[in-house]
Protein backbone atom coordinates (compact mmCIF):
# COMPACT_ATOMS: atom_id res chain seq x y z
CA MET A 1 0.00 0.00 0.00
CA LYS A 2 1.59 3.27 -1.14
CA ILE A 3 0.82 6.28 1.04
CA VAL A 4 1.75 9.76 -0.20
CA PHE A 5 1.74 12.76 2.16
CA LEU A 6 1.81 15.82 -0.11
CA ASP A 7 2.66 18.53 2.43
CA ALA A 8 4.01 16.91 5.57
CA LYS A 9 5.87 20.08 6.55
CA THR A 10 2.52 21.66 7.44
CA ILE A 11 2.27 19.58 10.62
CA GLY A 12 5.94 19.98 11.57
CA ASP A 13 9.23 18.10 11.38
CA ASP A 14 8.91 17.08 15.03
CA ILE A 15 5.92 14.78 14.54
CA ASP A 16 6.45 11.02 14.54
CA MET A 17 5.39 9.33 11.28
CA SER A 18 6.42 5.83 12.26
CA GLY A 19 2.82 4.69 12.61
CA LEU A 20 2.14 5.47 8.97
CA LYS A 21 5.35 3.77 7.89
CA GLU A 22 4.12 0.57 9.51
CA LEU A 23 0.98 0.66 7.36
CA GLY A 24 2.60 0.89 3.95
CA GLU A 25 5.23 2.43 1.71
CA LEU A 26 5.29 6.07 2.83
CA GLU A 27 6.46 8.96 0.67
CA LEU A 28 6.73 12.31 2.44
CA TYR A 29 6.97 15.65 0.63
CA ASP A 30 7.48 18.95 2.42
CA PHE A 31 5.16 20.81 0.05
CA SER A 32 3.58 20.10 -3.33
CA THR A 33 2.22 22.33 -6.06
CA PRO A 34 -0.87 21.06 -7.91
CA GLN A 35 1.40 20.02 -10.79
CA GLU A 36 3.76 18.18 -8.44
CA ALA A 37 0.81 16.52 -6.72
CA ARG A 38 -0.38 15.12 -10.05
CA GLU A 39 3.00 13.49 -10.62
CA ARG A 40 3.61 12.38 -7.04
CA THR A 41 0.26 10.61 -6.63
CA LYS A 42 0.38 8.56 -9.84
CA ASP A 43 1.09 5.32 -7.98
CA ALA A 44 -0.57 6.27 -4.69
CA GLU A 45 -3.38 4.35 -3.08
CA ILE A 46 -3.76 6.67 -0.09
CA VAL A 47 -3.18 10.43 -0.29
CA ILE A 48 -2.72 12.63 2.77
CA THR A 49 -2.96 16.40 2.44
CA ASN A 50 -3.39 19.53 4.49
CA LYS A 51 -3.55 22.42 2.02
CA VAL A 52 -3.09 20.79 -1.40
CA SER A 53 -6.42 20.64 -3.19
CA ILE A 54 -7.60 17.22 -4.28
CA ASN A 55 -9.48 17.25 -7.55
CA ARG A 56 -9.32 16.07 -11.15
CA ASP A 57 -6.26 18.22 -11.83
CA THR A 58 -4.21 16.94 -8.89
CA ILE A 59 -5.05 13.21 -8.82
CA GLY A 60 -6.46 12.69 -12.30
CA ASP A 61 -3.48 10.54 -13.27
CA ALA A 62 -3.73 8.38 -10.14
CA PRO A 63 -5.97 5.41 -10.95
CA GLY A 64 -5.25 3.55 -7.72
CA VAL A 65 -6.28 6.14 -5.15
CA LYS A 66 -8.78 4.66 -2.70
CA LEU A 67 -8.63 7.09 0.24
CA VAL A 68 -7.83 10.77 0.82
CA CYS A 69 -7.12 11.98 4.36
CA VAL A 70 -7.16 15.69 5.23
CA THR A 71 -4.99 16.63 8.21
CA ALA A 72 -7.48 19.32 9.21
CA THR A 73 -11.12 19.77 10.11
CA GLY A 74 -12.09 21.79 7.03
CA THR A 75 -12.70 19.91 3.79
CA ASN A 76 -13.04 22.78 1.34
CA ILE A 77 -9.89 21.57 -0.47
CA LEU A 78 -11.70 18.41 -1.57
CA ASP A 79 -13.74 18.15 -4.76
CA LYS A 80 -16.21 15.77 -3.18
CA ASP A 81 -18.25 15.32 -6.34
CA TYR A 82 -15.15 14.17 -8.19
CA LEU A 83 -14.16 11.83 -5.36
CA ALA A 84 -17.67 10.35 -5.30
CA GLU A 85 -17.57 9.92 -9.07
CA ARG A 86 -14.42 7.84 -8.70
CA GLY A 87 -15.55 6.01 -5.58
CA ILE A 88 -12.71 7.46 -3.51
CA GLU A 89 -13.38 7.73 0.22
CA TRP A 90 -12.20 10.70 2.27
CA ARG A 91 -11.59 11.48 5.93
CA ASN A 92 -10.98 14.62 7.92
CA VAL A 93 -10.17 15.13 11.61
CA ALA A 94 -12.10 16.99 14.29
CA GLY A 95 -11.62 17.72 17.96
CA TYR A 96 -7.84 17.42 17.99
CA SER A 97 -7.23 21.13 18.63
CA THR A 98 -10.09 22.13 20.94
CA GLU A 99 -7.95 22.62 24.04
CA THR A 100 -5.08 24.42 22.34
CA VAL A 101 -7.31 26.82 20.38
CA ALA A 102 -9.22 27.67 23.54
CA GLN A 103 -5.92 28.25 25.33
CA HIS A 104 -4.68 30.54 22.55
CA THR A 105 -7.93 32.48 22.64
CA PHE A 106 -7.20 33.45 26.23
CA ALA A 107 -3.54 34.12 25.47
CA LEU A 108 -4.55 36.72 22.88
CA LEU A 109 -7.15 38.20 25.20
CA PHE A 110 -4.88 38.63 28.20
CA TYR A 111 -2.07 40.05 26.07
CA LEU A 112 -4.43 42.83 25.02
CA MET A 113 -6.70 43.18 28.04
CA GLU A 114 -3.93 43.45 30.63
CA LYS A 115 -1.85 45.82 28.46
CA LEU A 116 1.09 43.41 28.57
CA PRO A 117 3.03 44.99 25.67
CA TYR A 118 3.05 48.30 27.53
CA TYR A 119 4.12 46.87 30.88
CA ASP A 120 6.74 44.61 29.33
CA ASN A 121 8.23 47.61 27.54
CA TYR A 122 8.01 49.72 30.71
CA VAL A 123 10.30 47.31 32.52
CA LYS A 124 12.64 46.47 29.63
CA SER A 125 13.12 50.14 28.77
CA GLU A 126 14.59 50.58 32.28
CA ARG A 127 11.82 52.96 33.37
CA TYR A 128 11.06 50.71 36.35
CA VAL A 129 14.64 50.85 37.58
CA ALA A 130 14.77 53.11 40.64
CA ASP A 131 11.28 54.49 39.89
CA THR A 132 9.54 56.44 42.65
CA MET A 133 6.89 53.80 43.41
CA PHE A 134 6.72 49.99 43.62
CA THR A 135 3.78 49.82 41.18
CA HIS A 136 2.69 51.64 38.03
CA PHE A 137 -0.82 52.77 37.10
CA SER A 138 -0.32 54.55 33.80
CA ASN A 139 -2.14 52.09 31.57
CA VAL A 140 -5.40 51.04 33.19
CA PHE A 141 -6.73 47.52 32.75
CA HIS A 142 -9.82 45.76 34.03
CA GLU A 143 -10.96 42.45 35.49
CA LEU A 144 -12.51 39.82 33.26
CA ASP A 145 -14.99 39.02 36.01
CA GLN A 146 -18.53 40.29 35.23
CA LYS A 147 -17.70 41.09 31.62
CA THR A 148 -19.97 39.91 28.80
CA TRP A 149 -18.27 37.49 26.42
CA GLY A 150 -19.99 37.03 23.06
CA ILE A 151 -19.17 33.96 20.97
CA ILE A 152 -19.73 33.56 17.25
CA GLY A 153 -19.67 29.84 16.51
CA LEU A 154 -20.61 27.65 19.46
CA GLY A 155 -19.14 24.39 18.25
CA ALA A 156 -16.70 22.31 20.28
CA ILE A 157 -14.11 25.08 20.51
CA GLY A 158 -16.67 27.80 21.16
CA ARG A 159 -18.23 25.74 23.95
CA ARG A 160 -14.83 25.16 25.55
CA VAL A 161 -14.11 28.89 25.45
CA ALA A 162 -17.55 29.53 26.93
CA ASP A 163 -16.86 27.13 29.80
CA LEU A 164 -13.53 28.78 30.58
CA ALA A 165 -14.98 32.28 30.31
CA LYS A 166 -17.65 31.31 32.85
CA LEU A 167 -14.93 30.19 35.25
CA PHE A 168 -13.50 33.70 35.03
CA GLY A 169 -16.92 35.10 35.98
CA CYS A 170 -18.06 36.17 32.52
CA HIS A 171 -21.63 36.32 31.32
CA VAL A 172 -21.49 34.27 28.11
CA ILE A 173 -23.80 34.81 25.15
CA TYR A 174 -23.64 33.44 21.62
CA TYR A 175 -24.91 34.11 18.13
CA SER A 176 -25.90 31.26 15.81
CA THR A 177 -24.81 32.17 12.29
CA SER A 178 -27.07 29.49 10.82
CA GLY A 179 -30.00 30.38 13.07
CA LYS A 180 -30.36 26.70 13.95
CA ASN A 181 -27.86 26.15 16.74
CA ASN A 182 -29.52 25.95 20.15
CA GLN A 183 -27.21 24.98 23.00
CA GLU A 184 -28.70 24.21 26.38
CA GLY A 185 -26.96 26.12 29.13
CA TYR A 186 -25.90 29.00 26.89
CA GLU A 187 -27.80 32.18 26.13
CA ARG A 188 -28.48 32.65 22.43
CA VAL A 189 -28.95 36.24 21.23
CA ASP A 190 -29.35 37.97 17.91
CA PHE A 191 -26.32 39.49 16.17
CA GLU A 192 -27.28 43.05 17.09
CA THR A 193 -27.47 42.20 20.79
CA LEU A 194 -24.17 40.36 20.72
CA LEU A 195 -22.42 43.34 19.09
CA LYS A 196 -23.91 45.96 21.39
CA THR A 197 -23.52 44.18 24.72
CA SER A 198 -20.28 42.17 24.45
CA ASP A 199 -17.04 43.33 26.06
CA ILE A 200 -15.20 40.54 24.26
CA ILE A 201 -16.27 38.90 21.01
CA SER A 202 -14.50 35.73 19.93
CA ILE A 203 -15.05 34.03 16.58
CA HIS A 204 -14.87 30.24 16.35
CA ALA A 205 -17.10 29.72 13.32
CA PRO A 206 -16.40 28.08 9.96
CA LEU A 207 -16.30 30.15 6.80
CA ASP A 208 -19.53 29.91 4.84
CA GLN A 209 -22.15 32.11 3.21
CA ASN A 210 -23.43 33.14 6.63
CA THR A 211 -20.08 34.20 8.05
CA GLU A 212 -18.02 35.62 5.17
CA GLY A 213 -17.59 39.35 5.77
CA LEU A 214 -19.79 39.17 8.87
CA MET A 215 -17.50 41.46 10.88
CA ASN A 216 -17.54 44.57 8.72
CA ARG A 217 -17.65 48.30 9.37
CA GLU A 218 -21.34 48.21 10.23
CA ALA A 219 -20.63 45.55 12.86
CA PHE A 220 -17.69 47.48 14.34
CA GLU A 221 -19.80 50.62 14.60
CA ARG A 222 -22.30 48.69 16.72
CA MET A 223 -19.68 47.34 19.14
CA LYS A 224 -18.60 49.01 22.35
CA ASP A 225 -15.57 51.25 21.86
CA SER A 226 -13.99 49.34 24.77
CA ALA A 227 -14.59 45.93 23.19
CA ILE A 228 -11.93 43.43 22.13
CA LEU A 229 -12.38 41.27 19.02
CA LEU A 230 -10.71 37.85 18.73
CA ASN A 231 -10.77 35.84 15.50
CA LEU A 232 -9.79 32.20 15.74
CA GLY A 233 -12.22 31.00 13.09
CA ARG A 234 -11.39 31.91 9.50
CA GLY A 235 -9.79 35.09 8.16
CA PRO A 236 -12.48 36.18 5.65
CA ILE A 237 -15.08 36.36 8.42
CA VAL A 238 -13.48 39.73 9.23
CA VAL A 239 -13.26 42.48 6.60
CA GLU A 240 -9.67 43.45 7.24
CA GLN A 241 -9.83 46.95 5.80
CA ASP A 242 -12.84 47.68 7.97
CA LEU A 243 -11.05 46.31 11.04
CA ALA A 244 -7.99 48.45 10.31
CA ASP A 245 -10.24 51.50 10.02
CA ALA A 246 -12.11 50.58 13.20
CA LEU A 247 -8.86 50.40 15.16
CA LYS A 248 -7.58 53.69 13.73
CA GLU A 249 -10.89 55.42 14.49
CA ASN A 250 -11.17 53.86 17.98
CA LEU A 251 -14.47 52.18 17.14
CA ILE A 252 -13.20 49.21 19.18
CA SER A 253 -10.40 48.90 21.70
CA ALA A 254 -8.26 46.10 20.27
CA ALA A 255 -8.16 42.95 18.17
CA GLY A 256 -6.34 39.63 18.38
CA LEU A 257 -6.20 37.51 15.24
CA ASP A 258 -4.80 34.08 14.49
CA VAL A 259 -6.26 33.87 10.98
CA LEU A 260 -6.16 36.16 7.97
CA SER A 261 -7.89 36.33 4.60
CA ALA A 262 -4.66 35.28 2.87
CA GLU A 263 -2.06 33.10 4.57
CA PRO A 264 0.84 33.69 4.66
CA MET A 265 -0.01 37.36 5.14
CA SER A 266 -0.41 39.38 1.96
CA ALA A 267 1.79 42.42 1.42
CA GLU A 268 -1.44 44.31 0.67
CA ASN A 269 -3.08 43.46 3.98
CA PRO A 270 -4.23 46.79 5.53
CA LEU A 271 -3.54 45.49 9.04
CA ARG A 272 0.19 45.75 8.30
CA GLN A 273 -0.18 49.49 8.86
CA ILE A 274 -1.03 49.03 12.54
CA LYS A 275 2.16 48.64 14.55
CA ASP A 276 0.71 49.32 18.00
CA SER A 277 0.84 45.98 19.83
CA GLU A 278 -1.51 47.30 22.48
CA ARG A 279 -4.23 47.56 19.84
CA LEU A 280 -3.49 44.60 17.59
CA ILE A 281 -1.78 41.24 17.86
CA ILE A 282 -1.63 38.81 14.94
CA THR A 283 -0.27 35.31 15.33
CA PRO A 284 0.55 33.24 12.21
CA HIS A 285 -2.25 30.63 12.37
CA ILE A 286 -0.69 28.83 15.33
CA ALA A 287 -3.70 28.44 17.66
CA TRP A 288 -4.14 24.81 16.57
CA ALA A 289 -0.45 23.95 16.59
CA SER A 290 0.65 22.96 20.08
CA LEU A 291 2.87 19.89 20.05
CA GLU A 292 0.16 17.86 21.77
CA ALA A 293 -2.47 18.86 19.22
CA ARG A 294 -0.24 18.02 16.27
CA GLU A 295 0.67 14.66 17.78
CA ARG A 296 -3.01 13.97 18.41
CA LEU A 297 -3.80 14.95 14.82
CA MET A 298 -1.26 12.52 13.39
CA GLN A 299 -2.47 9.73 15.65
CA MET A 300 -6.00 10.29 14.40
CA VAL A 301 -4.96 10.25 10.74
CA THR A 302 -2.89 7.12 11.26
CA GLY A 303 -5.87 5.50 12.94
CA GLN A 304 -8.11 6.43 10.01
CA VAL A 305 -5.71 4.85 7.54
CA ALA A 306 -5.41 1.70 9.68
CA ASP A 307 -9.20 1.43 10.03
CA PHE A 308 -9.64 1.83 6.28
CA LEU A 309 -7.09 -0.85 5.52
CA ASN A 310 -8.62 -3.22 8.05
CA GLY A 311 -12.06 -2.64 6.60
CA ALA A 312 -10.83 -3.14 3.05
CA SER A 313 -9.03 -6.42 3.80
């Protein structure tokens, strides 16, 4: 059984692939263009991918492919109609990153909410050395307790964030982008209410017709000027030019992003203009990528391949 991993670099060089090697002849490629994928999968029976699209152009010359595994939750890179036409099964993974994404959500929040860039610079710039007082009040911050935390996307990650926010004393509300998600124990509100009442808004939703461009200028104008926006869903949910304008015009207090509309970051991204780390922090799509999460991900994919082979034998 020949297994081809088209972009193994996307889950890191530090992840053990020995389990896959025990299941068949494994070929690992750091990255693959669509043209390279077409050549590299010619003799493959199982294809593993993270970002390389799987369609007629990329595996059209691979008559033996029986299974495609996506090392991610999203499956937008798959042409499912084409796979069904050829009788090729596919798998994705879910739940592997819930804890680490929730953790990163709070890391972004506390970085902004507690003014950590300012206080770190205050000490490192030597201003604290021999200062007149033991403490420093110049950049006021507030408790998370009693704040309203609004969540867009109350799936597994959103629910975990909600649970943690409650432990910090927050009042948690959520908006269902489909209008169909009712979660017992959580207060569902309309979008207008979420925008107007939330002190923190965190996005954990998938990208679809209901969420693309959801956070635009109109939305920012409805938010509290003290509010913090966190996006750990998908980049295009936020209109980046509108967010840049909202920060410049003080429509909201700050934003923490782990996802962007184009990744790696485009040179044309308007958020590049904002250099104030007290107002904006962007991390390079790392919320999912703790070592434990990546190890869990690979274990899940290996298990899927093993299950498929056992079922096929």
